[in-house]
Protein backbone atom coordinates (compact mmCIF):
# COMPACT_ATOMS: atom_id res chain seq x y z
CA MET A 1 0.00 0.00 0.00
CA PRO A 2 1.37 3.45 -0.83
CA SER A 3 2.37 5.87 1.88
CA PRO A 4 -0.49 8.01 3.20
CA THR A 5 1.75 11.08 3.18
CA ASP A 6 4.27 12.59 0.82
CA PRO A 7 7.12 14.89 1.85
CA VAL A 8 6.61 18.35 0.35
CA GLU A 9 8.89 21.36 0.38
CA THR A 10 6.96 24.43 1.55
CA ARG A 11 7.94 27.93 2.64
CA ASN A 12 8.07 26.56 6.20
CA GLY A 13 10.43 23.74 5.26
CA ARG A 14 9.89 20.08 4.49
CA GLN A 15 6.46 18.85 5.68
CA GLN A 16 4.35 15.73 5.39
CA LYS A 17 1.16 16.32 3.41
CA LYS A 18 -1.71 13.84 3.10
CA ARG A 19 -2.48 12.67 -0.40
CA ALA A 20 -6.00 13.10 -1.77
CA ALA A 21 -6.37 9.38 -2.44
CA TRP A 22 -5.59 8.63 1.22
CA GLY A 23 -8.30 11.05 2.39
CA GLN A 24 -10.84 9.51 0.03
CA ARG A 25 -9.94 6.03 1.29
CA GLN A 26 -10.38 7.10 4.90
CA ASP A 27 -13.76 8.70 4.10
CA ALA A 28 -14.94 5.56 2.29
CA ILE A 29 -13.94 3.35 5.22
CA ALA A 30 -15.75 5.66 7.66
CA VAL A 31 -18.95 5.57 5.58
CA MET A 32 -18.72 1.78 5.25
CA ASN A 33 -18.36 1.40 9.02
CA GLN A 34 -21.29 3.75 9.67
CA LEU A 35 -23.56 1.83 7.31
CA ALA A 36 -22.49 -1.51 8.74
CA ALA A 37 -23.27 -0.30 12.26
CA ARG A 38 -26.59 1.19 11.20
CA PHE A 39 -27.80 -2.07 9.67
CA GLY A 40 -26.42 -4.29 12.43
CA LEU A 41 -23.73 -5.94 10.35
CA THR A 42 -20.85 -5.52 12.78
CA PRO A 43 -19.24 -8.60 14.34
CA VAL A 44 -20.46 -7.51 17.78
CA ASP A 45 -24.07 -7.36 16.57
CA ASP A 46 -23.70 -10.73 14.86
CA GLY A 47 -22.58 -12.23 18.16
CA ARG A 48 -25.48 -10.65 20.00
CA VAL A 49 -28.04 -11.99 17.56
CA ARG A 50 -26.62 -15.51 17.64
CA ALA A 51 -26.30 -15.64 21.45
CA THR A 52 -30.02 -15.87 22.17
CA GLY A 53 -33.10 -16.13 20.06
CA GLN A 54 -35.87 -13.61 20.18
CA GLY A 55 -38.02 -16.01 22.16
CA ASP A 56 -41.68 -15.71 22.91
CA LEU A 57 -42.45 -12.49 24.74
CA PHE A 58 -45.82 -13.74 25.98
CA ASP A 59 -44.23 -16.82 27.59
CA GLU A 60 -41.58 -14.67 29.24
CA ILE A 61 -44.25 -12.38 30.69
CA LEU A 62 -46.22 -15.33 32.06
CA LYS A 63 -43.11 -16.84 33.64
CA THR A 64 -42.32 -13.49 35.26
CA LEU A 65 -45.85 -13.12 36.60
CA ASP A 66 -45.91 -16.72 37.88
CA GLY A 67 -42.56 -16.24 39.59
CA ALA A 68 -40.97 -19.15 37.72
CA ASP A 69 -37.40 -18.62 36.66
C-alpha cells in the first residue's frame, strides 16, 4: 500500500502532506463502518443476535408473573 503522506517542500520547510487518495480512502472506510453499524452488520451485533433467540415475549411475561425462573 502506498504511503499516506508525501514529503513536500513548503515555505516553512519540508512537511508531510496527506495525499487526496488517502483522504478519500479514509472517508470511504468511515462511511462503510457507519452503514455496517446502522444495519447491524458488525461482528459484535452478529454475536449478540446468535447468542439468544428472540423467544416468545408472551411466555416470558407469564413466567415473570408466575414467579418461575
